[in-house]
Amino acid sequence: MLYLFRTYRDNKPALYSVFMLVGIFGVRFLIEFFKEPEGMIFFGVVSKTQMLNVPFILLGFVLFLFMRAGKLNYKT
C-alpha cells in the first residue's frame, strides 16, 4: 500500500482510494461467506452484511473509471 501511494500519488490521483475501497470491502464481502449468517439472506446466498459492502465496492469502481478518464485532476 505504501508503495502504491509513493509511486502513483502525483500521476494517478485516487488510485490509493480506489485500492482501499475495492480491496477492503471486497475482502470483507468474501469473508462473510465463511461466517455464521446473522441477518437476512438476499437471493439465497448473500447476507445483509455483504449487501452493505456492495455500495463501497461500486464506489471504488466508479472512482477508478473517473480516474482513468482523467476527470480527477487537482492541484495540491
C-alpha atoms as a PDB file:
ATOM      1  CA  MET A   1       0.000   0.000   0.000  1.00  0.00           C
ATOM      2  CA  LEU A   2       2.806   2.378   0.848  1.00  0.00           C
ATOM      3  CA  TYR A   3       4.500   1.574  -2.460  1.00  0.00           C
ATOM      4  CA  LEU A   4       1.315   2.435  -4.374  1.00  0.00           C
ATOM      5  CA  PHE A   5       0.939   5.702  -2.513  1.00  0.00           C
ATOM      6  CA  ARG A   6       4.532   6.801  -3.032  1.00  0.00           C
ATOM      7  CA  THR A   7       4.657   5.745  -6.680  1.00  0.00           C
ATOM      8  CA  TYR A   8       1.320   6.980  -8.027  1.00  0.00           C
ATOM      9  CA  ARG A   9       0.151   9.808  -5.762  1.00  0.00           C
ATOM     10  CA  ASP A  10       1.154  12.533  -8.226  1.00  0.00           C
ATOM     11  CA  ASN A  11       0.307  10.990 -11.610  1.00  0.00           C
ATOM     12  CA  LYS A  12      -2.806   8.988 -10.705  1.00  0.00           C
ATOM     13  CA  PRO A  13      -4.841  10.720  -8.048  1.00  0.00           C
ATOM     14  CA  ALA A  14      -7.387   8.488  -6.303  1.00  0.00           C
ATOM     15  CA  LEU A  15      -5.608   5.208  -7.116  1.00  0.00           C
ATOM     16  CA  TYR A  16      -4.873   4.702  -3.442  1.00  0.00           C
ATOM     17  CA  SER A  17      -8.517   5.386  -2.527  1.00  0.00           C
ATOM     18  CA  VAL A  18      -9.749   3.027  -5.235  1.00  0.00           C
ATOM     19  CA  PHE A  19      -7.486   0.269  -3.992  1.00  0.00           C
ATOM     20  CA  MET A  20      -8.597   0.809  -0.397  1.00  0.00           C
ATOM     21  CA  LEU A  21     -12.323   0.812  -1.226  1.00  0.00           C
ATOM     22  CA  VAL A  22     -12.275  -2.190  -3.524  1.00  0.00           C
ATOM     23  CA  GLY A  23      -9.663  -4.081  -1.521  1.00  0.00           C
ATOM     24  CA  ILE A  24     -11.008  -3.699   1.991  1.00  0.00           C
ATOM     25  CA  PHE A  25     -14.681  -4.043   1.193  1.00  0.00           C
ATOM     26  CA  GLY A  26     -14.045  -6.809  -1.342  1.00  0.00           C
ATOM     27  CA  VAL A  27     -12.213  -8.862   1.266  1.00  0.00           C
ATOM     28  CA  ARG A  28     -14.957  -8.151   3.811  1.00  0.00           C
ATOM     29  CA  PHE A  29     -17.518  -9.355   1.271  1.00  0.00           C
ATOM     30  CA  LEU A  30     -15.621 -12.624   0.769  1.00  0.00           C
ATOM     31  CA  ILE A  31     -15.035 -13.221   4.488  1.00  0.00           C
ATOM     32  CA  GLU A  32     -18.778 -13.039   5.121  1.00  0.00           C
ATOM     33  CA  PHE A  33     -19.222 -16.299   3.200  1.00  0.00           C
ATOM     34  CA  PHE A  34     -17.347 -18.126   5.967  1.00  0.00           C
ATOM     35  CA  LYS A  35     -19.099 -16.510   8.931  1.00  0.00           C
ATOM     36  CA  GLU A  36     -22.314 -17.618  10.559  1.00  0.00           C
ATOM     37  CA  PRO A  37     -25.232 -15.750   8.912  1.00  0.00           C
ATOM     38  CA  GLU A  38     -26.526 -13.044  11.225  1.00  0.00           C
ATOM     39  CA  GLY A  39     -29.020 -11.116   9.147  1.00  0.00           C
ATOM     40  CA  MET A  40     -31.479 -11.523   6.328  1.00  0.00           C
ATOM     41  CA  ILE A  41     -30.290 -13.524   3.348  1.00  0.00           C
ATOM     42  CA  PHE A  42     -30.807 -11.947  -0.106  1.00  0.00           C
ATOM     43  CA  PHE A  43     -31.183 -14.170  -3.154  1.00  0.00           C
ATOM     44  CA  GLY A  44     -30.490 -17.222  -1.000  1.00  0.00           C
ATOM     45  CA  VAL A  45     -26.733 -16.617  -0.897  1.00  0.00           C
ATOM     46  CA  VAL A  46     -25.815 -13.029   0.035  1.00  0.00           C
ATOM     47  CA  SER A  47     -26.273 -11.788   3.626  1.00  0.00           C
ATOM     48  CA  LYS A  48     -27.293  -8.330   4.772  1.00  0.00           C
ATOM     49  CA  THR A  49     -23.731  -7.549   5.831  1.00  0.00           C
ATOM     50  CA  GLN A  50     -22.445  -8.428   2.367  1.00  0.00           C
ATOM     51  CA  MET A  51     -25.051  -6.178   0.785  1.00  0.00           C
ATOM     52  CA  LEU A  52     -23.747  -3.292   2.917  1.00  0.00           C
ATOM     53  CA  ASN A  53     -20.295  -3.761   1.349  1.00  0.00           C
ATOM     54  CA  VAL A  54     -21.534  -3.649  -2.252  1.00  0.00           C
ATOM     55  CA  PRO A  55     -22.058   0.160  -2.479  1.00  0.00           C
ATOM     56  CA  PHE A  56     -18.478   0.806  -1.363  1.00  0.00           C
ATOM     57  CA  ILE A  57     -17.091  -1.671  -3.882  1.00  0.00           C
ATOM     58  CA  LEU A  58     -19.148   0.001  -6.625  1.00  0.00           C
ATOM     59  CA  LEU A  59     -17.971   3.427  -5.457  1.00  0.00           C
ATOM     60  CA  GLY A  60     -14.395   2.220  -5.828  1.00  0.00           C
ATOM     61  CA  PHE A  61     -15.026   1.056  -9.400  1.00  0.00           C
ATOM     62  CA  VAL A  62     -16.765   4.339 -10.307  1.00  0.00           C
ATOM     63  CA  LEU A  63     -13.860   6.280  -8.834  1.00  0.00           C
ATOM     64  CA  PHE A  64     -11.498   4.118 -10.885  1.00  0.00           C
ATOM     65  CA  LEU A  65     -13.433   4.931 -14.073  1.00  0.00           C
ATOM     66  CA  PHE A  66     -13.269   8.656 -13.309  1.00  0.00           C
ATOM     67  CA  MET A  67      -9.550   8.338 -12.633  1.00  0.00           C
ATOM     68  CA  ARG A  68      -8.964   6.509 -15.925  1.00  0.00           C
ATOM     69  CA  ALA A  69     -10.955   9.135 -17.833  1.00  0.00           C
ATOM     70  CA  GLY A  70      -8.734  11.881 -16.374  1.00  0.00           C
ATOM     71  CA  LYS A  71     -11.559  13.720 -14.613  1.00  0.00           C
ATOM     72  CA  LEU A  72      -9.868  13.692 -11.202  1.00  0.00           C
ATOM     73  CA  ASN A  73      -7.183  16.300 -11.728  1.00  0.00           C
ATOM     74  CA  TYR A  74      -6.340  18.516  -8.808  1.00  0.00           C
ATOM     75  CA  LYS A  75      -3.522  20.771  -7.737  1.00  0.00           C
ATOM     76  CA  THR A  76      -2.012  20.483  -4.273  1.00  0.00           C
END
